[in-house]
Protein backbone atom coordinates (compact mmCIF):
# COMPACT_ATOMS: atom_id res chain seq x y z
CA MET A 1 25.13 24.64 66.08
CA SER A 2 26.61 21.23 66.81
CA ASP A 3 27.90 19.80 70.05
CA THR A 4 31.65 20.19 70.14
CA ASN A 5 32.52 17.65 72.79
CA THR A 6 31.94 13.94 73.24
CA ASP A 7 29.30 12.36 75.44
CA THR A 8 31.70 10.60 77.79
CA GLY A 9 33.70 11.35 80.88
CA THR A 10 32.62 13.93 83.40
CA GLY A 11 31.23 16.52 81.01
CA THR A 12 33.05 19.33 79.27
CA ALA A 13 32.36 23.00 78.78
CA THR A 14 33.55 24.44 75.51
CA GLY A 15 35.47 27.69 75.82
CA PRO A 16 34.55 31.16 74.59
CA GLY A 17 36.10 30.37 71.22
CA ALA A 18 33.11 28.18 70.40
CA HIS A 19 31.14 31.25 69.27
CA PRO A 20 31.98 34.80 68.19
CA ALA A 21 33.00 37.11 71.00
CA GLY A 22 32.64 34.39 73.60
CA GLN A 23 28.87 34.63 73.57
CA ILE A 24 27.88 31.03 74.32
CA VAL A 25 29.49 28.24 76.30
CA GLU A 26 28.28 24.67 75.85
CA VAL A 27 28.17 21.90 78.44
CA VAL A 28 27.21 18.31 77.62
CA VAL A 29 25.77 16.15 80.39
CA PRO A 30 27.52 12.76 80.16
CA ALA A 31 25.39 9.67 79.66
CA ALA A 32 26.69 8.25 82.93
CA GLU A 33 25.33 11.28 84.81
CA ARG A 34 21.85 11.29 83.30
CA ALA A 35 20.53 8.29 85.23
CA ARG A 36 21.75 9.77 88.51
CA LEU A 37 20.21 13.14 87.75
CA ALA A 38 16.92 11.53 86.70
CA GLY A 39 16.82 9.78 90.06
CA GLU A 40 17.45 13.05 91.87
CA LEU A 41 14.65 14.72 89.92
CA ASP A 42 12.23 11.92 90.74
CA ALA A 43 13.17 12.04 94.43
CA GLN A 44 12.54 15.77 94.46
CA ALA A 45 9.15 15.26 92.78
CA ALA A 46 8.20 12.77 95.50
CA ARG A 47 9.17 15.26 98.20
CA PHE A 48 7.68 18.33 96.47
CA PRO A 49 4.87 17.27 94.13
CA GLU A 50 4.18 20.91 93.22
CA LEU A 51 6.92 22.82 91.44
CA THR A 52 5.64 26.06 92.98
CA ASP A 53 6.00 24.82 96.57
CA PRO A 54 7.57 27.78 98.44
CA GLU A 55 9.93 25.43 100.29
CA LEU A 56 11.20 23.95 97.03
CA LEU A 57 11.71 27.40 95.50
CA ALA A 58 13.60 28.51 98.62
CA GLU A 59 15.88 25.49 98.35
CA ALA A 60 16.27 25.56 94.57
CA ALA A 61 19.64 27.31 94.50
CA GLY A 62 21.11 24.59 96.69
CA LEU A 63 20.20 21.99 94.10
CA GLY A 64 23.29 23.09 92.22
CA GLN A 65 25.32 20.64 94.27
CA CYS A 66 23.63 17.86 92.32
CA LEU A 67 24.77 19.22 88.94
CA PRO A 68 27.82 17.98 87.05
CA VAL A 69 30.86 20.04 88.01
CA GLU A 70 31.32 21.61 84.56
CA ALA A 71 27.71 22.77 84.53
CA ARG A 72 28.17 24.37 87.96
CA ARG A 73 31.32 26.15 86.81
CA ALA A 74 29.72 27.46 83.63
CA LEU A 75 26.64 28.75 85.46
CA THR A 76 28.75 30.37 88.17
CA GLU A 77 30.70 32.21 85.49
CA LEU A 78 27.48 33.26 83.75
CA ARG A 79 26.10 34.67 87.00
CA TYR A 80 29.19 36.45 88.30
CA GLY A 81 31.62 36.84 85.41
CA GLU A 82 31.72 38.58 82.05
CA SER A 83 33.40 36.02 79.80
CA CYS A 84 30.14 34.77 78.27
CA ALA A 85 26.51 35.81 77.88
CA GLY A 86 24.91 32.40 77.78
CA VAL A 87 25.28 28.70 78.55
CA VAL A 88 23.76 25.76 76.70
CA VAL A 89 23.42 22.58 78.75
CA ARG A 90 22.98 19.70 76.30
CA HIS A 91 21.41 16.26 76.78
CA GLY A 92 19.62 16.72 80.11
CA PRO A 93 18.01 13.81 82.00
CA VAL A 94 14.60 14.32 80.37
CA ALA A 95 13.87 11.41 78.03
CA ASP A 96 10.13 11.55 78.81
CA ASP A 97 7.75 12.18 75.90
CA PRO A 98 5.91 15.42 76.71
CA GLY A 99 3.07 14.53 74.36
CA PRO A 100 1.98 16.57 71.33
CA THR A 101 2.82 20.25 71.23
CA PRO A 102 -0.31 22.09 72.45
CA ARG A 103 -2.10 24.37 70.01
CA HIS A 104 -2.27 27.05 72.72
CA TRP A 105 -0.49 27.65 76.03
CA ARG A 106 -3.79 27.26 77.86
CA GLU A 107 -3.85 23.61 76.77
CA SER A 108 -0.45 22.75 78.26
CA ALA A 109 -1.67 22.35 81.85
CA GLY A 110 -1.51 18.74 82.92
CA ARG A 111 0.91 17.71 80.15
CA PRO A 112 3.80 15.41 81.18
CA THR A 113 6.40 18.19 81.36
CA ASP A 114 7.29 17.80 85.03
CA ARG A 115 10.80 16.42 84.60
CA PHE A 116 11.62 19.06 81.95
CA ASP A 117 10.33 21.76 84.30
CA ARG A 118 12.30 20.48 87.28
CA TRP A 119 15.52 20.25 85.27
CA LEU A 120 14.88 23.77 84.01
CA LEU A 121 14.31 24.98 87.58
CA TRP A 122 17.52 23.36 88.85
CA LEU A 123 19.60 25.14 86.23
CA ALA A 124 17.83 28.50 86.30
CA ALA A 125 17.94 28.72 90.10
CA GLN A 126 21.74 28.84 89.92
CA LEU A 127 21.33 32.30 88.40
CA GLY A 128 18.68 33.72 90.76
CA ASP A 129 15.22 33.30 92.25
CA PRO A 130 12.46 32.16 89.86
CA LEU A 131 9.73 34.75 89.30
CA CYS A 132 6.90 35.23 86.81
CA TRP A 133 4.41 37.90 85.74
CA ALA A 134 0.70 37.91 86.60
CA SER A 135 0.13 39.34 83.11
CA ILE A 136 1.76 36.40 81.30
CA GLN A 137 -0.02 33.04 80.91
CA ASP A 138 -2.16 33.48 84.03
CA GLY A 139 0.90 33.90 86.25
CA ARG A 140 2.38 30.45 85.66
CA LEU A 141 5.90 30.05 86.99
CA VAL A 142 6.93 28.07 83.91
CA ALA A 143 5.67 29.56 80.65
CA ASP A 144 5.20 27.95 77.25
CA VAL A 145 6.94 29.15 74.11
CA LEU A 146 5.05 27.66 71.17
CA PRO A 147 3.28 28.81 68.01
CA VAL A 148 -0.37 29.82 68.29
CA ALA A 149 -2.64 29.90 65.25
CA GLY A 150 -3.55 33.43 64.27
CA GLN A 151 -0.42 34.90 65.89
CA GLU A 152 2.06 33.97 63.16
CA GLU A 153 3.30 37.56 62.77
CA ALA A 154 3.30 38.42 66.49
CA GLN A 155 6.44 39.72 68.15
CA THR A 156 5.98 37.32 71.05
CA GLY A 157 6.89 33.75 71.90
CA HIS A 158 3.73 32.62 70.08
CA GLY A 159 4.73 33.92 66.64
CA SER A 160 6.26 31.78 63.90
CA ALA A 161 6.23 33.18 60.35
CA ALA A 162 7.80 36.48 61.40
CA GLU A 163 11.29 36.54 62.82
CA LEU A 164 11.15 37.32 66.52
CA ALA A 165 13.31 40.43 66.75
CA PHE A 166 16.17 40.29 69.22
CA HIS A 167 15.34 41.84 72.57
CA VAL A 168 16.04 41.98 76.28
CA GLU A 169 13.32 40.19 78.21
CA ASP A 170 10.70 42.61 79.60
CA ALA A 171 12.79 45.69 78.90
CA PHE A 172 9.77 47.89 79.67
CA HIS A 173 9.90 47.27 83.44
CA GLU A 174 12.41 48.07 86.17
CA ALA A 175 11.83 44.60 87.66
CA ARG A 176 12.79 42.83 84.42
CA CYS A 177 14.57 39.56 85.01
CA ASP A 178 18.33 39.25 85.46
CA ALA A 179 18.44 35.95 83.56
CA LEU A 180 16.16 33.59 81.68
CA ALA A 181 16.27 29.92 80.81
CA LEU A 182 14.65 28.03 77.94
CA ALA A 183 14.17 24.27 78.03
CA CYS A 184 13.53 22.50 74.74
CA LEU A 185 10.84 19.81 74.73
CA ARG A 186 10.64 19.52 70.94
CA ASN A 187 12.29 21.21 67.96
CA PRO A 188 12.27 18.79 65.00
CA ASP A 189 13.08 21.52 62.47
CA ALA A 190 16.03 22.82 64.54
CA VAL A 191 14.53 26.33 64.53
CA PRO A 192 17.31 28.49 66.01
CA THR A 193 17.09 30.84 68.93
CA THR A 194 19.20 33.89 68.11
CA VAL A 195 21.61 35.45 70.61
CA ALA A 196 23.87 38.49 70.53
CA SER A 197 26.11 39.67 73.35
CA VAL A 198 27.24 43.09 74.42
CA THR A 199 30.76 41.77 73.81
CA ALA A 200 29.99 41.75 70.08
CA LEU A 201 29.64 45.55 70.07
CA ASP A 202 32.24 47.98 68.77
CA LEU A 203 31.57 50.58 71.43
CA ALA A 204 34.00 53.07 69.90
CA ALA A 205 31.75 53.24 66.83
CA LEU A 206 28.60 53.91 68.88
CA ASP A 207 27.21 57.07 70.49
CA VAL A 208 27.42 55.51 73.96
CA GLU A 209 26.88 58.86 75.68
CA THR A 210 23.42 59.18 74.10
CA LEU A 211 22.52 55.52 74.61
CA LEU A 212 23.20 55.93 78.34
CA GLU A 213 20.64 58.74 78.60
CA PRO A 214 16.87 58.28 79.25
CA ARG A 215 15.81 59.24 75.72
CA PHE A 216 13.99 56.06 74.62
CA ARG A 217 10.38 55.00 75.13
CA ILE A 218 10.01 51.25 75.79
CA ALA A 219 6.50 49.75 75.78
CA PRO A 220 5.33 46.31 76.99
CA ASP A 221 4.74 43.59 74.41
CA PRO A 222 1.09 42.66 73.70
CA GLU A 223 1.13 39.60 75.95
CA HIS A 224 1.46 41.81 79.03
CA LEU A 225 -1.48 43.93 77.89
CA ARG A 226 -3.79 41.11 76.80
CA ASP A 227 -6.04 41.15 79.89
CA LEU A 228 -6.02 44.89 80.56
CA PRO A 229 -9.23 46.88 79.92
CA ALA A 230 -9.30 48.93 76.71
CA GLY A 231 -7.34 52.14 77.15
CA ALA A 232 -5.64 50.94 80.33
CA ALA A 233 -2.22 50.32 78.82
CA PRO A 234 0.51 52.12 80.81
CA ASP A 235 2.63 54.82 79.25
CA PRO A 236 5.91 53.52 77.80
CA LEU A 237 8.89 53.71 80.13
CA LEU A 238 11.28 56.54 79.29
CA GLY A 239 14.77 55.19 79.88
CA ALA A 240 18.23 54.47 78.61
CA VAL A 241 19.04 51.46 76.44
CA LEU A 242 22.54 51.11 77.90
CA SER A 243 23.49 51.34 81.56
CA GLY A 244 26.47 50.75 83.79
CA PRO A 245 30.11 51.48 82.93
CA PRO A 246 30.50 52.84 79.37
CA ALA A 247 33.30 50.37 78.67
CA ALA A 248 31.18 47.35 79.69
CA PRO A 249 27.53 48.42 79.55
CA CYS A 250 24.36 46.48 80.21
CA LEU A 251 21.66 46.21 77.54
CA ARG A 252 18.02 47.27 77.65
CA VAL A 253 17.15 46.83 74.00
CA ASP A 254 13.77 45.86 72.53
CA PRO A 255 13.54 47.37 69.02
CA ALA A 256 10.02 46.10 68.27
CA PHE A 257 8.59 48.12 71.17
CA THR A 258 11.01 51.05 71.42
CA THR A 259 10.44 54.52 69.98
CA VAL A 260 12.35 57.78 70.14
CA PRO A 261 10.57 61.09 70.88
CA ALA A 262 9.88 63.06 67.73
CA GLY A 263 12.73 65.31 66.72
CA ASP A 264 15.44 63.52 68.71
CA ARG A 265 17.52 62.64 65.68
CA ARG A 266 20.66 61.94 67.66
CA ALA A 267 18.92 59.35 69.83
CA ALA A 268 17.31 57.75 66.77
CA ALA A 269 20.65 57.49 64.97
CA ALA A 270 22.39 56.13 68.07
CA PHE A 271 19.71 53.48 68.57
CA ASP A 272 19.75 52.43 64.91
CA ALA A 273 23.52 52.00 65.03
CA LEU A 274 23.30 49.93 68.22
CA CYS A 275 20.64 47.67 66.73
CA ALA A 276 22.61 47.25 63.50
CA GLN A 277 25.63 46.03 65.45
CA LEU A 278 23.54 43.62 67.53
CA ALA A 279 21.89 42.26 64.38
CA ALA A 280 25.31 41.70 62.81
CA GLY A 281 26.47 39.90 65.96
CA LEU A 282 23.60 37.41 66.19
CA VAL A 283 24.48 33.72 66.42
CA ASP A 284 22.05 30.84 65.95
CA VAL A 285 21.54 28.35 68.78
CA ALA A 286 19.44 25.34 67.78
CA LEU A 287 18.07 23.58 70.83
CA HIS A 288 17.04 19.93 70.84
CA ALA A 289 14.87 17.94 73.26
CA GLY A 290 16.50 17.98 76.69
CA ASP A 291 18.70 21.04 76.03
CA VAL A 292 18.50 24.19 78.15
CA LEU A 293 19.72 27.64 77.11
CA LEU A 294 20.44 30.11 79.93
CA LEU A 295 21.05 33.79 79.17
CA ASP A 296 22.22 36.87 81.07
CA ASN A 297 19.41 39.37 80.45
CA HIS A 298 21.77 42.31 80.94
CA ARG A 299 24.55 41.16 78.63
CA ALA A 300 22.59 39.44 75.85
CA VAL A 301 19.59 39.89 73.59
CA HIS A 302 17.72 36.93 72.13
CA GLY A 303 15.16 36.23 69.43
CA ARG A 304 14.10 33.46 67.04
CA ARG A 305 14.38 32.71 63.34
CA PRO A 306 11.09 32.39 61.42
CA PHE A 307 9.52 29.02 60.72
CA ARG A 308 6.31 27.53 59.34
CA ALA A 309 4.04 26.18 62.07
CA ARG A 310 2.04 23.04 61.31
CA TYR A 311 -0.25 22.98 64.37
CA ASP A 312 -0.23 19.18 64.24
CA GLY A 313 1.44 18.43 67.57
CA THR A 314 4.98 18.39 66.16
CA ASP A 315 5.87 22.09 66.35
CA ARG A 316 8.74 23.61 68.31
CA TRP A 317 7.91 23.70 72.02
CA LEU A 318 10.00 25.36 74.73
CA ARG A 319 9.38 26.05 78.42
CA LYS A 320 10.72 29.24 80.04
CA ILE A 321 11.67 30.43 83.52
CA THR A 322 12.91 33.92 84.42
CA VAL A 323 14.92 34.74 87.55
CA ASN A 324 15.98 37.77 89.57
CA ARG A 325 19.13 37.85 91.68
CA ASP A 326 17.55 39.91 94.48
CA LEU A 327 14.12 38.62 95.45
CA ARG A 328 13.55 41.41 97.96
CA ARG A 329 13.91 44.00 95.21
CA THR A 330 10.57 42.84 93.80
CA ARG A 331 8.63 42.67 97.08
CA ALA A 332 6.43 45.67 96.30
CA LEU A 333 5.17 43.87 93.19
CA ARG A 334 4.32 40.61 94.97
CA ARG A 335 1.20 39.99 97.04
CA SER A 336 3.07 38.15 99.80
CA ALA A 337 6.60 37.28 100.85
CA THR A 338 6.25 33.73 99.54
CA SER A 339 4.59 34.61 96.24
CA ARG A 340 6.76 34.52 93.10
CA VAL A 341 4.20 36.31 90.92
CA LEU A 342 4.91 39.92 89.94
CA HIS A 343 2.07 42.35 89.23
CA PRO A 344 3.58 44.85 86.78
CA PHE A 345 0.70 47.33 86.66
CA GLY A 346 -0.33 47.44 90.32
């Protein structure tokens, strides 16, 4: 996917016509704005050296006033409207070299990713309050998406050779995020993230009535279960894969980890038809260093095309933040009022 507007002026958001069914809107940060934004990021780092400072996280939404006006408009529409399912913000103020892509997420601590992470936080916080899972990457607020040797076929952010099937983030849990944001640190092979929106569906051709019923078992992906004792995995959630108004439903789709109870042929057929339409509606979004992709986790699914990992420090490397619009809704899963770490299994 190429940028469709020039890198001058005050920044421009491309309209819904840029992608099928109005799925993605693009915003380019003008060159003249990047120096100002870089200064703002550095000033914030001096004031809040730790990205997880509770005061910084409480103020993060207000940082939107520092963003270019077209970025603010696009993110406001993504949060409150229904005209798009995602926003790409191109050419952020993050020229720093993050160093070689780590061979494992455990090796990323201490890497020079601070400005990428702060830019990611600024944008993501316009969609909700940043939260993370205790079960993912030791409860880090910003997670790594990068290939890990030995996990080439995994249906997680650490796979590579296998296509990462489209999915809603953390569909297995009621506290799943409302939106997610991916910041690109490196992607020399332009490996695309895939996105499909609910607006790409022909609802009249689907068995929406069945899809709105709790007839589908959705299990966690292996990353959530990695540190659990043997045999301690929770039972899959039994729920619906569509919710909300039938004419404009929300998605809860994760085919790699969803099963249908034996004998429920209608549910199986309905789910297969839904997934076939989403697969047909996928668009490729190639992110480059400094770009951030933000997605509505109720109106879009996302995945990744396969690629060959080299494990030589040059592989695709993204950073991810997830957000919820209502922080209090997750209080029972957090150890304290100021904590942003969710404990999914108690």
